[in-house]
Amino acid sequence: MWKRKRKGEPLPWYRAPNYKGNITEAEKRQLDAFRMQPKHPSAQWDDLPEEVRNYIVRIELELYDGKQDAAAGRAFFWSAAGAVLLFLVYKGVLGEPTIWRYAPAALILIVPWIVYRFEWNKNAEAFRPRNTEERIREEWELNYIVDQKTHAESDASSDAS
């Protein structure tokens, strides 16, 4: 009835279904050729000096912490707003306390934590070691494509002169 998708080798970043860049198919094939080589031209994680590896890890952790702190901050803010609304309804400031006055305030108190859970999981999934070597390859490939396009434009402008 329900079939599970088999997890094969992950697609490169430029072949992923959610990629919305402007890399041509010829450029993608060129990057595929780099990936088919026994050793990718980019640097390997083990070849990097230890200071560089530590720096990369520290930056990744700071980014992760920043995203998680922002998600928690939003959840606390909206929960506090919901708690204030509940208190105001309870005291009768916003009219006679009825279930219809409590419900929106309770939703504002609770829903942010449900959203927070999804954001937390999304951030944690994005942070999960996606193989640092893959990230290094991606950065190298992006630089390669940009360099190719820059050289092509400069060659075209020098030919026009």
C-alpha atoms as a PDB file:
ATOM      1  CA  MET A   1       0.000   0.000   0.000  1.00  0.00           C
ATOM      2  CA  TRP A   2       2.465   2.655   1.155  1.00  0.00           C
ATOM      3  CA  LYS A   3       5.920   2.349  -0.210  1.00  0.00           C
ATOM      4  CA  ARG A   4       8.884   3.903   1.469  1.00  0.00           C
ATOM      5  CA  LYS A   5      11.290   5.839  -0.616  1.00  0.00           C
ATOM      6  CA  ARG A   6      14.664   4.236  -0.648  1.00  0.00           C
ATOM      7  CA  LYS A   7      17.426   6.489   0.452  1.00  0.00           C
ATOM      8  CA  GLY A   8      20.064   6.350  -2.195  1.00  0.00           C
ATOM      9  CA  GLU A   9      22.952   8.641  -2.706  1.00  0.00           C
ATOM     10  CA  PRO A  10      21.827  12.224  -2.093  1.00  0.00           C
ATOM     11  CA  LEU A  11      21.612  14.491  -5.105  1.00  0.00           C
ATOM     12  CA  PRO A  12      24.168  17.278  -5.424  1.00  0.00           C
ATOM     13  CA  TRP A  13      22.941  20.709  -4.412  1.00  0.00           C
ATOM     14  CA  TYR A  14      22.468  21.819  -8.039  1.00  0.00           C
ATOM     15  CA  ARG A  15      20.351  18.750  -8.904  1.00  0.00           C
ATOM     16  CA  ALA A  16      18.081  18.918  -5.848  1.00  0.00           C
ATOM     17  CA  PRO A  17      14.384  19.379  -6.701  1.00  0.00           C
ATOM     18  CA  ASN A  18      14.173  22.557  -4.590  1.00  0.00           C
ATOM     19  CA  TYR A  19      17.154  24.252  -6.296  1.00  0.00           C
ATOM     20  CA  LYS A  20      16.097  27.486  -7.946  1.00  0.00           C
ATOM     21  CA  GLY A  21      19.342  28.832  -9.355  1.00  0.00           C
ATOM     22  CA  ASN A  22      20.376  29.879 -12.820  1.00  0.00           C
ATOM     23  CA  ILE A  23      22.960  27.203 -13.563  1.00  0.00           C
ATOM     24  CA  THR A  24      22.588  25.866 -17.083  1.00  0.00           C
ATOM     25  CA  GLU A  25      22.412  22.176 -17.869  1.00  0.00           C
ATOM     26  CA  ALA A  26      25.861  22.351 -19.472  1.00  0.00           C
ATOM     27  CA  GLU A  27      27.287  23.788 -16.248  1.00  0.00           C
ATOM     28  CA  LYS A  28      25.537  21.090 -14.237  1.00  0.00           C
ATOM     29  CA  ARG A  29      27.086  18.426 -16.462  1.00  0.00           C
ATOM     30  CA  GLN A  30      30.470  20.051 -15.958  1.00  0.00           C
ATOM     31  CA  LEU A  31      30.004  19.912 -12.177  1.00  0.00           C
ATOM     32  CA  ASP A  32      28.852  16.290 -12.504  1.00  0.00           C
ATOM     33  CA  ALA A  33      32.143  15.550 -14.274  1.00  0.00           C
ATOM     34  CA  PHE A  34      34.056  16.960 -11.296  1.00  0.00           C
ATOM     35  CA  ARG A  35      32.025  14.785  -8.946  1.00  0.00           C
ATOM     36  CA  MET A  36      32.682  11.673 -11.024  1.00  0.00           C
ATOM     37  CA  GLN A  37      36.440  12.057 -10.647  1.00  0.00           C
ATOM     38  CA  PRO A  38      38.085   9.848  -8.014  1.00  0.00           C
ATOM     39  CA  LYS A  39      39.174  12.978  -6.118  1.00  0.00           C
ATOM     40  CA  HIS A  40      37.172  16.191  -6.315  1.00  0.00           C
ATOM     41  CA  PRO A  41      39.332  19.257  -7.081  1.00  0.00           C
ATOM     42  CA  SER A  42      38.157  21.044  -3.944  1.00  0.00           C
ATOM     43  CA  ALA A  43      39.975  20.814  -0.631  1.00  0.00           C
ATOM     44  CA  GLN A  44      39.225  17.850   1.595  1.00  0.00           C
ATOM     45  CA  TRP A  45      38.219  18.297   5.245  1.00  0.00           C
ATOM     46  CA  ASP A  46      41.227  16.311   6.433  1.00  0.00           C
ATOM     47  CA  ASP A  47      43.575  18.481   4.339  1.00  0.00           C
ATOM     48  CA  LEU A  48      42.472  21.666   6.091  1.00  0.00           C
ATOM     49  CA  PRO A  49      44.569  22.928   8.995  1.00  0.00           C
ATOM     50  CA  GLU A  50      43.083  22.236  12.402  1.00  0.00           C
ATOM     51  CA  GLU A  51      42.570  25.968  13.062  1.00  0.00           C
ATOM     52  CA  VAL A  52      40.462  26.254   9.916  1.00  0.00           C
ATOM     53  CA  ARG A  53      38.374  23.206  10.843  1.00  0.00           C
ATOM     54  CA  ASN A  54      37.801  24.634  14.341  1.00  0.00           C
ATOM     55  CA  TYR A  55      36.842  27.993  12.859  1.00  0.00           C
ATOM     56  CA  ILE A  56      34.318  26.387  10.515  1.00  0.00           C
ATOM     57  CA  VAL A  57      32.791  24.372  13.347  1.00  0.00           C
ATOM     58  CA  ARG A  58      32.563  27.476  15.559  1.00  0.00           C
ATOM     59  CA  ILE A  59      30.819  29.478  12.811  1.00  0.00           C
ATOM     60  CA  GLU A  60      28.350  26.627  12.199  1.00  0.00           C
ATOM     61  CA  LEU A  61      27.550  26.413  15.923  1.00  0.00           C
ATOM     62  CA  GLU A  62      27.063  30.180  16.197  1.00  0.00           C
ATOM     63  CA  LEU A  63      24.700  30.146  13.229  1.00  0.00           C
ATOM     64  CA  TYR A  64      22.750  27.232  14.675  1.00  0.00           C
ATOM     65  CA  ASP A  65      22.511  28.873  18.098  1.00  0.00           C
ATOM     66  CA  GLY A  66      21.368  32.137  16.530  1.00  0.00           C
ATOM     67  CA  LYS A  67      18.586  30.421  14.593  1.00  0.00           C
ATOM     68  CA  GLN A  68      17.428  28.460  17.641  1.00  0.00           C
ATOM     69  CA  ASP A  69      17.546  31.569  19.870  1.00  0.00           C
ATOM     70  CA  ALA A  70      15.470  33.545  17.362  1.00  0.00           C
ATOM     71  CA  ALA A  71      12.868  30.760  17.192  1.00  0.00           C
ATOM     72  CA  ALA A  72      12.689  30.547  20.990  1.00  0.00           C
ATOM     73  CA  GLY A  73      12.446  34.334  21.277  1.00  0.00           C
ATOM     74  CA  ARG A  74       9.467  34.433  18.929  1.00  0.00           C
ATOM     75  CA  ALA A  75       7.754  31.654  20.868  1.00  0.00           C
ATOM     76  CA  PHE A  76       8.314  33.428  24.206  1.00  0.00           C
ATOM     77  CA  PHE A  77       7.097  36.751  22.823  1.00  0.00           C
ATOM     78  CA  TRP A  78       3.833  35.359  21.444  1.00  0.00           C
ATOM     79  CA  SER A  79       3.259  33.218  24.527  1.00  0.00           C
ATOM     80  CA  ALA A  80       3.707  36.271  26.740  1.00  0.00           C
ATOM     81  CA  ALA A  81       1.227  38.159  24.557  1.00  0.00           C
ATOM     82  CA  GLY A  82      -1.228  35.264  24.912  1.00  0.00           C
ATOM     83  CA  ALA A  83      -0.723  35.184  28.691  1.00  0.00           C
ATOM     84  CA  VAL A  84      -1.393  38.936  28.928  1.00  0.00           C
ATOM     85  CA  LEU A  85      -4.562  38.516  26.854  1.00  0.00           C
ATOM     86  CA  LEU A  86      -5.701  35.641  29.079  1.00  0.00           C
ATOM     87  CA  PHE A  87      -5.126  37.806  32.155  1.00  0.00           C
ATOM     88  CA  LEU A  88      -7.039  40.710  30.612  1.00  0.00           C
ATOM     89  CA  VAL A  89      -9.947  38.425  29.722  1.00  0.00           C
ATOM     90  CA  TYR A  90      -9.884  36.931  33.230  1.00  0.00           C
ATOM     91  CA  LYS A  91     -10.012  40.400  34.823  1.00  0.00           C
ATOM     92  CA  GLY A  92     -12.856  41.408  32.498  1.00  0.00           C
ATOM     93  CA  VAL A  93     -10.931  44.260  30.883  1.00  0.00           C
ATOM     94  CA  LEU A  94     -11.795  42.953  27.397  1.00  0.00           C
ATOM     95  CA  GLY A  95     -15.423  42.322  28.199  1.00  0.00           C
ATOM     96  CA  GLU A  96     -17.223  39.568  30.031  1.00  0.00           C
ATOM     97  CA  PRO A  97     -15.031  36.436  30.281  1.00  0.00           C
ATOM     98  CA  THR A  98     -16.498  33.744  28.044  1.00  0.00           C
ATOM     99  CA  ILE A  99     -15.035  30.737  26.308  1.00  0.00           C
ATOM    100  CA  TRP A 100     -15.013  32.709  23.055  1.00  0.00           C
ATOM    101  CA  ARG A 101     -12.802  35.365  24.619  1.00  0.00           C
ATOM    102  CA  TYR A 102     -10.478  32.837  26.259  1.00  0.00           C
ATOM    103  CA  ALA A 103     -10.003  30.665  23.144  1.00  0.00           C
ATOM    104  CA  PRO A 104      -8.073  33.149  20.958  1.00  0.00           C
ATOM    105  CA  ALA A 105      -5.843  34.136  23.886  1.00  0.00           C
ATOM    106  CA  ALA A 106      -5.177  30.491  24.685  1.00  0.00           C
ATOM    107  CA  LEU A 107      -4.311  29.819  21.046  1.00  0.00           C
ATOM    108  CA  ILE A 108      -1.884  32.750  21.046  1.00  0.00           C
ATOM    109  CA  LEU A 109      -0.333  31.233  24.174  1.00  0.00           C
ATOM    110  CA  ILE A 110      -0.024  27.652  22.860  1.00  0.00           C
ATOM    111  CA  VAL A 111       0.398  27.769  19.061  1.00  0.00           C
ATOM    112  CA  PRO A 112       3.831  29.468  19.137  1.00  0.00           C
ATOM    113  CA  TRP A 113       5.270  26.436  20.951  1.00  0.00           C
ATOM    114  CA  ILE A 114       3.883  24.093  18.318  1.00  0.00           C
ATOM    115  CA  VAL A 115       5.426  26.266  15.607  1.00  0.00           C
ATOM    116  CA  TYR A 116       8.630  26.443  17.660  1.00  0.00           C
ATOM    117  CA  ARG A 117       8.874  22.664  17.693  1.00  0.00           C
ATOM    118  CA  PHE A 118       8.709  22.534  13.899  1.00  0.00           C
ATOM    119  CA  GLU A 119      11.254  25.352  13.563  1.00  0.00           C
ATOM    120  CA  TRP A 120      13.542  23.621  16.057  1.00  0.00           C
ATOM    121  CA  ASN A 121      13.400  20.374  14.105  1.00  0.00           C
ATOM    122  CA  LYS A 122      13.946  22.193  10.798  1.00  0.00           C
ATOM    123  CA  ASN A 123      16.975  24.025  12.177  1.00  0.00           C
ATOM    124  CA  ALA A 124      18.335  20.845  13.753  1.00  0.00           C
ATOM    125  CA  GLU A 125      17.919  18.984  10.453  1.00  0.00           C
ATOM    126  CA  ALA A 126      19.697  21.767   8.582  1.00  0.00           C
ATOM    127  CA  PHE A 127      22.513  21.701  11.142  1.00  0.00           C
ATOM    128  CA  ARG A 128      22.887  17.937  11.122  1.00  0.00           C
ATOM    129  CA  PRO A 129      26.333  17.226   9.811  1.00  0.00           C
ATOM    130  CA  ARG A 130      25.538  17.145   6.130  1.00  0.00           C
ATOM    131  CA  ASN A 131      29.066  16.071   5.551  1.00  0.00           C
ATOM    132  CA  THR A 132      31.337  19.052   5.713  1.00  0.00           C
ATOM    133  CA  GLU A 133      33.183  17.766   2.666  1.00  0.00           C
ATOM    134  CA  GLU A 134      29.945  18.160   0.692  1.00  0.00           C
ATOM    135  CA  ARG A 135      29.692  21.769   1.841  1.00  0.00           C
ATOM    136  CA  ILE A 136      33.291  22.403   0.823  1.00  0.00           C
ATOM    137  CA  ARG A 137      32.562  20.893  -2.608  1.00  0.00           C
ATOM    138  CA  GLU A 138      29.462  23.048  -2.951  1.00  0.00           C
ATOM    139  CA  GLU A 139      31.428  26.206  -2.149  1.00  0.00           C
ATOM    140  CA  TRP A 140      34.181  25.248  -4.605  1.00  0.00           C
ATOM    141  CA  GLU A 141      31.627  24.478  -7.335  1.00  0.00           C
ATOM    142  CA  LEU A 142      29.832  27.787  -6.798  1.00  0.00           C
ATOM    143  CA  ASN A 143      33.117  29.667  -7.036  1.00  0.00           C
ATOM    144  CA  TYR A 144      34.036  27.690 -10.146  1.00  0.00           C
ATOM    145  CA  ILE A 145      30.756  28.548 -11.915  1.00  0.00           C
ATOM    146  CA  VAL A 146      31.018  32.233 -10.953  1.00  0.00           C
ATOM    147  CA  ASP A 147      34.645  32.339 -12.163  1.00  0.00           C
ATOM    148  CA  GLN A 148      33.635  30.720 -15.455  1.00  0.00           C
ATOM    149  CA  LYS A 149      30.844  33.238 -15.992  1.00  0.00           C
ATOM    150  CA  THR A 150      33.092  36.160 -15.007  1.00  0.00           C
ATOM    151  CA  HIS A 151      35.825  35.030 -17.386  1.00  0.00           C
ATOM    152  CA  ALA A 152      33.301  34.543 -20.198  1.00  0.00           C
ATOM    153  CA  GLU A 153      31.948  38.075 -19.677  1.00  0.00           C
ATOM    154  CA  SER A 154      35.410  39.622 -19.516  1.00  0.00           C
ATOM    155  CA  ASP A 155      36.462  37.719 -22.652  1.00  0.00           C
ATOM    156  CA  ALA A 156      33.351  38.942 -24.459  1.00  0.00           C
ATOM    157  CA  SER A 157      33.981  42.559 -23.431  1.00  0.00           C
ATOM    158  CA  SER A 158      37.651  42.386 -24.471  1.00  0.00           C
ATOM    159  CA  ASP A 159      36.639  40.908 -27.864  1.00  0.00           C
ATOM    160  CA  ALA A 160      34.196  43.788 -28.386  1.00  0.00           C
ATOM    161  CA  SER A 161      36.939  46.363 -27.748  1.00  0.00           C
END
